[in-house]
PDB file of all heavy atoms in Angstrom:
ATOM      1  N   ALA A   1     115.629 105.765  93.159  1.00  0.00           N
ATOM      2  CA  ALA A   1     114.214 106.131  93.224  1.00  0.00           C
ATOM      3  C   ALA A   1     113.332 104.979  92.766  1.00  0.00           C
ATOM      4  O   ALA A   1     112.293 104.689  93.383  1.00  0.00           O
ATOM      5  CB  ALA A   1     113.955 107.360  92.365  1.00  0.00           C
ATOM      6  N   ALA A   2     113.708 104.312  91.684  1.00  0.00           N
ATOM      7  CA  ALA A   2     112.919 103.182  91.179  1.00  0.00           C
ATOM      8  C   ALA A   2     112.813 102.085  92.231  1.00  0.00           C
ATOM      9  O   ALA A   2     111.741 101.497  92.432  1.00  0.00           O
ATOM     10  CB  ALA A   2     113.550 102.635  89.899  1.00  0.00           C
ATOM     11  N   LYS A   3     113.909 101.814  92.919  1.00  0.00           N
ATOM     12  CA  LYS A   3     113.911 100.779  93.955  1.00  0.00           C
ATOM     13  C   LYS A   3     112.973 101.148  95.100  1.00  0.00           C
ATOM     14  O   LYS A   3     112.155 100.331  95.545  1.00  0.00           O
ATOM     15  CB  LYS A   3     115.330 100.576  94.480  1.00  0.00           C
ATOM     16  CG  LYS A   3     115.487  99.430  95.482  1.00  0.00           C
ATOM     17  CD  LYS A   3     116.950  99.241  95.846  1.00  0.00           C
ATOM     18  CE  LYS A   3     117.145  97.977  96.683  1.00  0.00           C
ATOM     19  NZ  LYS A   3     116.402  98.008  97.948  1.00  0.00           N
ATOM     20  N   LEU A   4     113.063 102.383  95.568  1.00  0.00           N
ATOM     21  CA  LEU A   4     112.232 102.798  96.703  1.00  0.00           C
ATOM     22  C   LEU A   4     110.766 102.931  96.307  1.00  0.00           C
ATOM     23  O   LEU A   4     109.875 102.586  97.087  1.00  0.00           O
ATOM     24  CB  LEU A   4     112.748 104.112  97.280  1.00  0.00           C
ATOM     25  CG  LEU A   4     114.045 103.998  98.086  1.00  0.00           C
ATOM     26  CD1 LEU A   4     114.523 105.367  98.534  1.00  0.00           C
ATOM     27  CD2 LEU A   4     113.842 103.101  99.304  1.00  0.00           C
ATOM     28  N   PHE A   5     110.477 103.439  95.109  1.00  0.00           N
ATOM     29  CA  PHE A   5     109.084 103.549  94.668  1.00  0.00           C
ATOM     30  C   PHE A   5     108.429 102.169  94.608  1.00  0.00           C
ATOM     31  O   PHE A   5     107.262 102.006  94.974  1.00  0.00           O
ATOM     32  CB  PHE A   5     109.002 104.218  93.294  1.00  0.00           C
ATOM     33  CG  PHE A   5     109.294 105.693  93.304  1.00  0.00           C
ATOM     34  CD1 PHE A   5     109.676 106.346  92.143  1.00  0.00           C
ATOM     35  CD2 PHE A   5     109.177 106.438  94.462  1.00  0.00           C
ATOM     36  CE1 PHE A   5     109.937 107.708  92.139  1.00  0.00           C
ATOM     37  CE2 PHE A   5     109.443 107.798  94.482  1.00  0.00           C
ATOM     38  CZ  PHE A   5     109.828 108.433  93.309  1.00  0.00           C
ATOM     39  N   SER A   6     109.182 101.174  94.110  1.00  0.00           N
ATOM     40  CA  SER A   6     108.609  99.834  93.987  1.00  0.00           C
ATOM     41  C   SER A   6     108.447  99.166  95.350  1.00  0.00           C
ATOM     42  O   SER A   6     107.520  98.391  95.561  1.00  0.00           O
ATOM     43  CB  SER A   6     109.478  98.959  93.074  1.00  0.00           C
ATOM     44  OG  SER A   6     110.753  98.752  93.625  1.00  0.00           O
ATOM     45  N   GLU A   7     109.349  99.462  96.284  1.00  0.00           N
ATOM     46  CA  GLU A   7     109.299  98.829  97.605  1.00  0.00           C
ATOM     47  C   GLU A   7     108.330  99.525  98.555  1.00  0.00           C
ATOM     48  O   GLU A   7     107.596  98.857  99.299  1.00  0.00           O
ATOM     49  CB  GLU A   7     110.690  98.819  98.230  1.00  0.00           C
ATOM     50  CG  GLU A   7     111.678  97.892  97.528  1.00  0.00           C
ATOM     51  CD  GLU A   7     113.064  97.956  98.133  1.00  0.00           C
ATOM     52  OE1 GLU A   7     113.299  98.821  99.011  1.00  0.00           O
ATOM     53  OE2 GLU A   7     113.916  97.148  97.722  1.00  0.00           O
ATOM     54  N   LYS A   8     108.322 100.861  98.550  1.00  0.00           N
ATOM     55  CA  LYS A   8     107.540 101.622  99.520  1.00  0.00           C
ATOM     56  C   LYS A   8     106.277 102.240  98.928  1.00  0.00           C
ATOM     57  O   LYS A   8     105.351 102.582  99.667  1.00  0.00           O
ATOM     58  CB  LYS A   8     108.400 102.743 100.136  1.00  0.00           C
ATOM     59  CG  LYS A   8     109.581 102.266 100.952  1.00  0.00           C
ATOM     60  CD  LYS A   8     110.398 103.442 101.447  1.00  0.00           C
ATOM     61  CE  LYS A   8     111.484 103.005 102.407  1.00  0.00           C
ATOM     62  NZ  LYS A   8     110.935 102.541 103.698  1.00  0.00           N
ATOM     63  N   GLY A   9     106.261 102.428  97.613  1.00  0.00           N
ATOM     64  CA  GLY A   9     105.182 103.185  96.987  1.00  0.00           C
ATOM     65  C   GLY A   9     105.586 104.635  96.842  1.00  0.00           C
ATOM     66  O   GLY A   9     106.456 105.131  97.588  1.00  0.00           O
ATOM     67  N   PHE A  10     104.979 105.317  95.900  1.00  0.00           N
ATOM     68  CA  PHE A  10     105.360 106.697  95.623  1.00  0.00           C
ATOM     69  C   PHE A  10     105.133 107.602  96.826  1.00  0.00           C
ATOM     70  O   PHE A  10     105.985 108.418  97.176  1.00  0.00           O
ATOM     71  CB  PHE A  10     104.566 107.224  94.421  1.00  0.00           C
ATOM     72  CG  PHE A  10     104.842 108.657  94.100  1.00  0.00           C
ATOM     73  CD1 PHE A  10     105.952 109.021  93.361  1.00  0.00           C
ATOM     74  CD2 PHE A  10     104.000 109.659  94.560  1.00  0.00           C
ATOM     75  CE1 PHE A  10     106.227 110.349  93.068  1.00  0.00           C
ATOM     76  CE2 PHE A  10     104.247 111.002  94.275  1.00  0.00           C
ATOM     77  CZ  PHE A  10     105.366 111.334  93.530  1.00  0.00           C
ATOM     78  N   GLU A  11     103.961 107.470  97.456  1.00  0.00           N
ATOM     79  CA  GLU A  11     103.629 108.378  98.560  1.00  0.00           C
ATOM     80  C   GLU A  11     104.571 108.210  99.745  1.00  0.00           C
ATOM     81  O   GLU A  11     104.988 109.189 100.361  1.00  0.00           O
ATOM     82  CB  GLU A  11     102.180 108.157  99.017  1.00  0.00           C
ATOM     83  CG  GLU A  11     101.127 108.654  98.044  1.00  0.00           C
ATOM     84  CD  GLU A  11     100.791 107.611  96.990  1.00  0.00           C
ATOM     85  OE1 GLU A  11     101.472 106.545  96.965  1.00  0.00           O
ATOM     86  OE2 GLU A  11      99.871 107.856  96.193  1.00  0.00           O
ATOM     87  N   ALA A  12     104.921 106.972 100.074  1.00  0.00           N
ATOM     88  CA  ALA A  12     105.719 106.717 101.276  1.00  0.00           C
ATOM     89  C   ALA A  12     107.200 107.046 101.080  1.00  0.00           C
ATOM     90  O   ALA A  12     107.880 107.437 102.031  1.00  0.00           O
ATOM     91  CB  ALA A  12     105.563 105.257 101.703  1.00  0.00           C
ATOM     92  N   ALA A  13     107.696 106.876  99.889  1.00  0.00           N
ATOM     93  CA  ALA A  13     109.117 107.164  99.639  1.00  0.00           C
ATOM     94  C   ALA A  13     109.355 108.670  99.708  1.00  0.00           C
ATOM     95  O   ALA A  13     108.564 109.467  99.205  1.00  0.00           O
ATOM     96  CB  ALA A  13     109.522 106.636  98.267  1.00  0.00           C
ATOM     97  N   THR A  14     110.441 109.069 100.346  1.00  0.00           N
ATOM     98  CA  THR A  14     110.758 110.484 100.480  1.00  0.00           C
ATOM     99  C   THR A  14     112.040 110.813  99.725  1.00  0.00           C
ATOM    100  O   THR A  14     112.853 109.924  99.428  1.00  0.00           O
ATOM    101  CB  THR A  14     110.941 110.873 101.957  1.00  0.00           C
ATOM    102  OG1 THR A  14     112.126 110.219 102.462  1.00  0.00           O
ATOM    103  CG2 THR A  14     109.736 110.456 102.789  1.00  0.00           C
ATOM    104  N   MET A  15     112.216 112.098  99.450  1.00  0.00           N
ATOM    105  CA  MET A  15     113.440 112.522  98.767  1.00  0.00           C
ATOM    106  C   MET A  15     114.667 112.244  99.643  1.00  0.00           C
ATOM    107  O   MET A  15     115.736 111.892  99.135  1.00  0.00           O
ATOM    108  CB  MET A  15     113.350 114.002  98.421  1.00  0.00           C
ATOM    109  CG  MET A  15     112.330 114.327  97.334  1.00  0.00           C
ATOM    110  SD  MET A  15     112.831 113.741  95.702  1.00  0.00           S
ATOM    111  CE  MET A  15     113.848 115.134  95.140  1.00  0.00           C
ATOM    112  N   ALA A  16     114.517 112.377 100.959  1.00  0.00           N
ATOM    113  CA  ALA A  16     115.637 112.092 101.861  1.00  0.00           C
ATOM    114  C   ALA A  16     116.027 110.618 101.781  1.00  0.00           C
ATOM    115  O   ALA A  16     117.221 110.280 101.774  1.00  0.00           O
ATOM    116  CB  ALA A  16     115.260 112.468 103.294  1.00  0.00           C
ATOM    117  N   GLN A  17     115.021 109.740 101.726  1.00  0.00           N
ATOM    118  CA  GLN A  17     115.304 108.310 101.612  1.00  0.00           C
ATOM    119  C   GLN A  17     115.974 107.986 100.281  1.00  0.00           C
ATOM    120  O   GLN A  17     116.871 107.146 100.216  1.00  0.00           O
ATOM    121  CB  GLN A  17     114.006 107.514 101.751  1.00  0.00           C
ATOM    122  CG  GLN A  17     113.424 107.521 103.152  1.00  0.00           C
ATOM    123  CD  GLN A  17     112.033 106.926 103.215  1.00  0.00           C
ATOM    124  OE1 GLN A  17     111.331 106.838 102.198  1.00  0.00           O
ATOM    125  NE2 GLN A  17     111.624 106.511 104.398  1.00  0.00           N
ATOM    126  N   ILE A  18     115.514 108.638  99.229  1.00  0.00           N
ATOM    127  CA  ILE A  18     116.108 108.415  97.909  1.00  0.00           C
ATOM    128  C   ILE A  18     117.571 108.863  97.907  1.00  0.00           C
ATOM    129  O   ILE A  18     118.439 108.192  97.360  1.00  0.00           O
ATOM    130  CB  ILE A  18     115.307 109.151  96.821  1.00  0.00           C
ATOM    131  CG1 ILE A  18     113.912 108.521  96.683  1.00  0.00           C
ATOM    132  CG2 ILE A  18     116.041 109.108  95.476  1.00  0.00           C
ATOM    133  CD1 ILE A  18     112.954 109.320  95.818  1.00  0.00           C
ATOM    134  N   ALA A  19     117.837 109.995  98.543  1.00  0.00           N
ATOM    135  CA  ALA A  19     119.212 110.484  98.636  1.00  0.00           C
ATOM    136  C   ALA A  19     120.093 109.486  99.378  1.00  0.00           C
ATOM    137  O   ALA A  19     121.222 109.199  98.954  1.00  0.00           O
ATOM    138  CB  ALA A  19     119.237 111.846  99.323  1.00  0.00           C
ATOM    139  N   ARG A  20     119.579 108.944 100.494  1.00  0.00           N
ATOM    140  CA  ARG A  20     120.364 107.962 101.251  1.00  0.00           C
ATOM    141  C   ARG A  20     120.601 106.705 100.427  1.00  0.00           C
ATOM    142  O   ARG A  20     121.692 106.139 100.435  1.00  0.00           O
ATOM    143  CB  ARG A  20     119.643 107.607 102.555  1.00  0.00           C
ATOM    144  CG  ARG A  20     119.758 108.680 103.632  1.00  0.00           C
ATOM    145  CD  ARG A  20     119.400 108.131 105.000  1.00  0.00           C
ATOM    146  NE  ARG A  20     118.020 107.668 105.058  1.00  0.00           N
ATOM    147  CZ  ARG A  20     116.988 108.438 105.367  1.00  0.00           C
ATOM    148  NH1 ARG A  20     117.169 109.732 105.642  1.00  0.00           N
ATOM    149  NH2 ARG A  20     115.772 107.943 105.417  1.00  0.00           N
ATOM    150  N   GLN A  21     119.568 106.252  99.708  1.00  0.00           N
ATOM    151  CA  GLN A  21     119.694 105.065  98.872  1.00  0.00           C
ATOM    152  C   GLN A  21     120.741 105.272  97.777  1.00  0.00           C
ATOM    153  O   GLN A  21     121.493 104.353  97.438  1.00  0.00           O
ATOM    154  CB  GLN A  21     118.332 104.724  98.242  1.00  0.00           C
ATOM    155  CG  GLN A  21     118.313 103.501  97.345  1.00  0.00           C
ATOM    156  CD  GLN A  21     118.515 102.209  98.104  1.00  0.00           C
ATOM    157  OE1 GLN A  21     118.079 102.069  99.248  1.00  0.00           O
ATOM    158  NE2 GLN A  21     119.185 101.244  97.492  1.00  0.00           N
ATOM    159  N   ALA A  22     120.790 106.482  97.264  1.00  0.00           N
ATOM    160  CA  ALA A  22     121.763 106.811  96.216  1.00  0.00           C
ATOM    161  C   ALA A  22     123.125 107.187  96.788  1.00  0.00           C
ATOM    162  O   ALA A  22     124.059 107.456  96.019  1.00  0.00           O
ATOM    163  CB  ALA A  22     121.228 107.964  95.364  1.00  0.00           C
ATOM    164  N   GLU A  23     123.219 107.220  98.126  1.00  0.00           N
ATOM    165  CA  GLU A  23     124.466 107.585  98.826  1.00  0.00           C
ATOM    166  C   GLU A  23     124.915 108.994  98.443  1.00  0.00           C
ATOM    167  O   GLU A  23     126.092 109.245  98.158  1.00  0.00           O
ATOM    168  CB  GLU A  23     125.571 106.556  98.533  1.00  0.00           C
ATOM    169  CG  GLU A  23     125.214 105.156  99.006  1.00  0.00           C
ATOM    170  CD  GLU A  23     126.326 104.150  98.750  1.00  0.00           C
ATOM    171  OE1 GLU A  23     127.254 104.467  97.972  1.00  0.00           O
ATOM    172  OE2 GLU A  23     126.259 103.044  99.313  1.00  0.00           O
ATOM    173  N   LEU A  24     123.944 109.902  98.454  1.00  0.00           N
ATOM    174  CA  LEU A  24     124.215 111.296  98.138  1.00  0.00           C
ATOM    175  C   LEU A  24     123.617 112.180  99.220  1.00  0.00           C
ATOM    176  O   LEU A  24     122.677 111.797  99.918  1.00  0.00           O
ATOM    177  CB  LEU A  24     123.595 111.677  96.784  1.00  0.00           C
ATOM    178  CG  LEU A  24     124.126 110.964  95.538  1.00  0.00           C
ATOM    179  CD1 LEU A  24     123.252 111.302  94.342  1.00  0.00           C
ATOM    180  CD2 LEU A  24     125.573 111.345  95.274  1.00  0.00           C
ATOM    181  N   ALA A  25     124.120 113.373  99.324  1.00  0.00           N
ATOM    182  CA  ALA A  25     123.516 114.354 100.228  1.00  0.00           C
ATOM    183  C   ALA A  25     122.197 114.842  99.627  1.00  0.00           C
ATOM    184  O   ALA A  25     122.081 114.947  98.398  1.00  0.00           O
ATOM    185  CB  ALA A  25     124.465 115.532 100.423  1.00  0.00           C
ATOM    186  N   PRO A  26     121.191 115.129 100.471  1.00  0.00           N
ATOM    187  CA  PRO A  26     119.916 115.615  99.941  1.00  0.00           C
ATOM    188  C   PRO A  26     120.075 116.827  99.036  1.00  0.00           C
ATOM    189  O   PRO A  26     119.381 116.949  98.019  1.00  0.00           O
ATOM    190  CB  PRO A  26     119.123 115.962 101.208  1.00  0.00           C
ATOM    191  CG  PRO A  26     119.685 115.046 102.253  1.00  0.00           C
ATOM    192  CD  PRO A  26     121.144 114.928 101.935  1.00  0.00           C
ATOM    193  N   GLY A  27     120.995 117.716  99.393  1.00  0.00           N
ATOM    194  CA  GLY A  27     121.202 118.894  98.560  1.00  0.00           C
ATOM    195  C   GLY A  27     121.674 118.538  97.162  1.00  0.00           C
ATOM    196  O   GLY A  27     121.283 119.181  96.173  1.00  0.00           O
ATOM    197  N   THR A  28     122.478 117.495  97.056  1.00  0.00           N
ATOM    198  CA  THR A  28     122.956 117.053  95.743  1.00  0.00           C
ATOM    199  C   THR A  28     121.797 116.510  94.912  1.00  0.00           C
ATOM    200  O   THR A  28     121.709 116.758  93.703  1.00  0.00           O
ATOM    201  CB  THR A  28     124.034 115.966  95.908  1.00  0.00           C
ATOM    202  OG1 THR A  28     125.111 116.489  96.678  1.00  0.00           O
ATOM    203  CG2 THR A  28     124.551 115.510  94.555  1.00  0.00           C
ATOM    204  N   LEU A  29     120.903 115.778  95.583  1.00  0.00           N
ATOM    205  CA  LEU A  29     119.735 115.222  94.889  1.00  0.00           C
ATOM    206  C   LEU A  29     118.912 116.327  94.240  1.00  0.00           C
ATOM    207  O   LEU A  29     118.490 116.217  93.072  1.00  0.00           O
ATOM    208  CB  LEU A  29     118.884 114.439  95.884  1.00  0.00           C
ATOM    209  CG  LEU A  29     117.613 113.791  95.335  1.00  0.00           C
ATOM    210  CD1 LEU A  29     117.950 112.703  94.328  1.00  0.00           C
ATOM    211  CD2 LEU A  29     116.790 113.199  96.478  1.00  0.00           C
ATOM    212  N   TYR A  30     118.704 117.424  94.960  1.00  0.00           N
ATOM    213  CA  TYR A  30     117.871 118.512  94.446  1.00  0.00           C
ATOM    214  C   TYR A  30     118.555 119.299  93.326  1.00  0.00           C
ATOM    215  O   TYR A  30     117.894 120.069  92.629  1.00  0.00           O
ATOM    216  CB  TYR A  30     117.476 119.448  95.593  1.00  0.00           C
ATOM    217  CG  TYR A  30     116.347 118.904  96.438  1.00  0.00           C
ATOM    218  CD1 TYR A  30     116.614 118.290  97.656  1.00  0.00           C
ATOM    219  CD2 TYR A  30     115.026 118.993  96.003  1.00  0.00           C
ATOM    220  CE1 TYR A  30     115.584 117.775  98.442  1.00  0.00           C
ATOM    221  CE2 TYR A  30     113.989 118.490  96.783  1.00  0.00           C
ATOM    222  CZ  TYR A  30     114.274 117.873  97.990  1.00  0.00           C
ATOM    223  OH  TYR A  30     113.247 117.358  98.753  1.00  0.00           O
ATOM    224  N   LEU A  31     119.835 119.107  93.154  1.00  0.00           N
ATOM    225  CA  LEU A  31     120.510 119.731  92.012  1.00  0.00           C
ATOM    226  C   LEU A  31     120.083 119.063  90.703  1.00  0.00           C
ATOM    227  O   LEU A  31     120.143 119.668  89.642  1.00  0.00           O
ATOM    228  CB  LEU A  31     122.035 119.621  92.161  1.00  0.00           C
ATOM    229  CG  LEU A  31     122.677 120.453  93.272  1.00  0.00           C
ATOM    230  CD1 LEU A  31     124.169 120.138  93.354  1.00  0.00           C
ATOM    231  CD2 LEU A  31     122.460 121.940  93.029  1.00  0.00           C
ATOM    232  N   TYR A  32     119.630 117.811  90.817  1.00  0.00           N
ATOM    233  CA  TYR A  32     119.251 117.037  89.630  1.00  0.00           C
ATOM    234  C   TYR A  32     117.738 116.982  89.434  1.00  0.00           C
ATOM    235  O   TYR A  32     117.257 116.988  88.303  1.00  0.00           O
ATOM    236  CB  TYR A  32     119.812 115.619  89.740  1.00  0.00           C
ATOM    237  CG  TYR A  32     121.315 115.557  89.593  1.00  0.00           C
ATOM    238  CD1 TYR A  32     122.151 115.807  90.684  1.00  0.00           C
ATOM    239  CD2 TYR A  32     121.900 115.279  88.371  1.00  0.00           C
ATOM    240  CE1 TYR A  32     123.531 115.771  90.548  1.00  0.00           C
ATOM    241  CE2 TYR A  32     123.280 115.229  88.219  1.00  0.00           C
ATOM    242  CZ  TYR A  32     124.096 115.487  89.321  1.00  0.00           C
ATOM    243  OH  TYR A  32     125.458 115.447  89.173  1.00  0.00           O
ATOM    244  N   PHE A  33     117.007 116.892  90.532  1.00  0.00           N
ATOM    245  CA  PHE A  33     115.545 116.794  90.457  1.00  0.00           C
ATOM    246  C   PHE A  33     114.941 117.689  91.536  1.00  0.00           C
ATOM    247  O   PHE A  33     115.263 117.547  92.711  1.00  0.00           O
ATOM    248  CB  PHE A  33     115.087 115.346  90.645  1.00  0.00           C
ATOM    249  CG  PHE A  33     115.614 114.406  89.598  1.00  0.00           C
ATOM    250  CD1 PHE A  33     116.749 113.635  89.854  1.00  0.00           C
ATOM    251  CD2 PHE A  33     115.009 114.309  88.355  1.00  0.00           C
ATOM    252  CE1 PHE A  33     117.243 112.778  88.891  1.00  0.00           C
ATOM    253  CE2 PHE A  33     115.500 113.444  87.387  1.00  0.00           C
ATOM    254  CZ  PHE A  33     116.622 112.684  87.650  1.00  0.00           C
ATOM    255  N   LYS A  34     114.065 118.580  91.130  1.00  0.00           N
ATOM    256  CA  LYS A  34     113.505 119.560  92.058  1.00  0.00           C
ATOM    257  C   LYS A  34     112.438 118.969  92.965  1.00  0.00           C
ATOM    258  O   LYS A  34     112.140 119.522  94.022  1.00  0.00           O
ATOM    259  CB  LYS A  34     112.930 120.741  91.279  1.00  0.00           C
ATOM    260  CG  LYS A  34     113.976 121.522  90.501  1.00  0.00           C
ATOM    261  CD  LYS A  34     113.330 122.662  89.728  1.00  0.00           C
ATOM    262  CE  LYS A  34     114.378 123.441  88.930  1.00  0.00           C
ATOM    263  NZ  LYS A  34     113.775 124.537  88.136  1.00  0.00           N
ATOM    264  N   SER A  35     111.815 117.853  92.537  1.00  0.00           N
ATOM    265  CA  SER A  35     110.721 117.282  93.318  1.00  0.00           C
ATOM    266  C   SER A  35     110.601 115.786  93.051  1.00  0.00           C
ATOM    267  O   SER A  35     111.184 115.261  92.096  1.00  0.00           O
ATOM    268  CB  SER A  35     109.396 117.965  92.958  1.00  0.00           C
ATOM    269  OG  SER A  35     109.076 117.727  91.587  1.00  0.00           O
ATOM    270  N   LYS A  36     109.822 115.127  93.884  1.00  0.00           N
ATOM    271  CA  LYS A  36     109.624 113.692  93.742  1.00  0.00           C
ATOM    272  C   LYS A  36     108.830 113.362  92.478  1.00  0.00           C
ATOM    273  O   LYS A  36     109.106 112.360  91.812  1.00  0.00           O
ATOM    274  CB  LYS A  36     108.912 113.147  94.984  1.00  0.00           C
ATOM    275  CG  LYS A  36     108.900 111.640  95.082  1.00  0.00           C
ATOM    276  CD  LYS A  36     108.489 111.168  96.468  1.00  0.00           C
ATOM    277  CE  LYS A  36     107.071 111.583  96.817  1.00  0.00           C
ATOM    278  NZ  LYS A  36     106.587 110.914  98.042  1.00  0.00           N
ATOM    279  N   ASP A  37     107.865 114.211  92.130  1.00  0.00           N
ATOM    280  CA  ASP A  37     107.094 113.945  90.918  1.00  0.00           C
ATOM    281  C   ASP A  37     107.951 114.128  89.662  1.00  0.00           C
ATOM    282  O   ASP A  37     107.763 113.427  88.657  1.00  0.00           O
ATOM    283  CB  ASP A  37     105.831 114.816  90.849  1.00  0.00           C
ATOM    284  CG  ASP A  37     106.133 116.295  90.936  1.00  0.00           C
ATOM    285  OD1 ASP A  37     106.500 116.736  92.026  1.00  0.00           O
ATOM    286  OD2 ASP A  37     105.997 116.991  89.909  1.00  0.00           O
ATOM    287  N   GLU A  38     108.914 115.043  89.711  1.00  0.00           N
ATOM    288  CA  GLU A  38     109.828 115.194  88.573  1.00  0.00           C
ATOM    289  C   GLU A  38     110.685 113.939  88.416  1.00  0.00           C
ATOM    290  O   GLU A  38     110.948 113.482  87.293  1.00  0.00           O
ATOM    291  CB  GLU A  38     110.724 116.412  88.788  1.00  0.00           C
ATOM    292  CG  GLU A  38     111.667 116.691  87.616  1.00  0.00           C
ATOM    293  CD  GLU A  38     112.525 117.929  87.828  1.00  0.00           C
ATOM    294  OE1 GLU A  38     112.012 118.904  88.417  1.00  0.00           O
ATOM    295  OE2 GLU A  38     113.691 117.911  87.413  1.00  0.00           O
ATOM    296  N   LEU A  39     111.090 113.364  89.547  1.00  0.00           N
ATOM    297  CA  LEU A  39     111.856 112.124  89.529  1.00  0.00           C
ATOM    298  C   LEU A  39     111.012 110.988  88.937  1.00  0.00           C
ATOM    299  O   LEU A  39     111.496 110.190  88.114  1.00  0.00           O
ATOM    300  CB  LEU A  39     112.252 111.770  90.964  1.00  0.00           C
ATOM    301  CG  LEU A  39     113.737 111.641  91.295  1.00  0.00           C
ATOM    302  CD1 LEU A  39     113.919 111.378  92.781  1.00  0.00           C
ATOM    303  CD2 LEU A  39     114.395 110.576  90.475  1.00  0.00           C
ATOM    304  N   TYR A  40     109.782 110.922  89.356  1.00  0.00           N
ATOM    305  CA  TYR A  40     108.876 109.864  88.871  1.00  0.00           C
ATOM    306  C   TYR A  40     108.683 109.984  87.362  1.00  0.00           C
ATOM    307  O   TYR A  40     108.724 108.987  86.631  1.00  0.00           O
ATOM    308  CB  TYR A  40     107.529 109.969  89.589  1.00  0.00           C
ATOM    309  CG  TYR A  40     106.619 108.802  89.347  1.00  0.00           C
ATOM    310  CD1 TYR A  40     106.722 107.649  90.126  1.00  0.00           C
ATOM    311  CD2 TYR A  40     105.645 108.832  88.353  1.00  0.00           C
ATOM    312  CE1 TYR A  40     105.882 106.575  89.909  1.00  0.00           C
ATOM    313  CE2 TYR A  40     104.810 107.768  88.136  1.00  0.00           C
ATOM    314  CZ  TYR A  40     104.928 106.633  88.918  1.00  0.00           C
ATOM    315  OH  TYR A  40     104.099 105.564  88.699  1.00  0.00           O
ATOM    316  N   PHE A  41     108.489 111.192  86.875  1.00  0.00           N
ATOM    317  CA  PHE A  41     108.322 111.413  85.440  1.00  0.00           C
ATOM    318  C   PHE A  41     109.584 111.001  84.690  1.00  0.00           C
ATOM    319  O   PHE A  41     109.506 110.389  83.610  1.00  0.00           O
ATOM    320  CB  PHE A  41     108.003 112.879  85.164  1.00  0.00           C
ATOM    321  CG  PHE A  41     107.785 113.191  83.710  1.00  0.00           C
ATOM    322  CD1 PHE A  41     106.533 113.026  83.129  1.00  0.00           C
ATOM    323  CD2 PHE A  41     108.829 113.642  82.910  1.00  0.00           C
ATOM    324  CE1 PHE A  41     106.328 113.302  81.786  1.00  0.00           C
ATOM    325  CE2 PHE A  41     108.636 113.913  81.571  1.00  0.00           C
ATOM    326  CZ  PHE A  41     107.375 113.749  81.005  1.00  0.00           C
ATOM    327  N   ALA A  42     110.747 111.315  85.251  1.00  0.00           N
ATOM    328  CA  ALA A  42     112.016 110.984  84.604  1.00  0.00           C
ATOM    329  C   ALA A  42     112.225 109.476  84.513  1.00  0.00           C
ATOM    330  O   ALA A  42     112.970 108.996  83.656  1.00  0.00           O
ATOM    331  CB  ALA A  42     113.175 111.621  85.359  1.00  0.00           C
TER     332      ALA A  42
END
């Protein structure tokens, strides 16, 4: 998430892109963070 936020900006980066960057399924990502703003806060 940090990599994509810095490269694309918060608005442009998506949870699907973050999941791909982390090499995880989107469903797995949501088990840890319910939303993009929760990820940003973390």
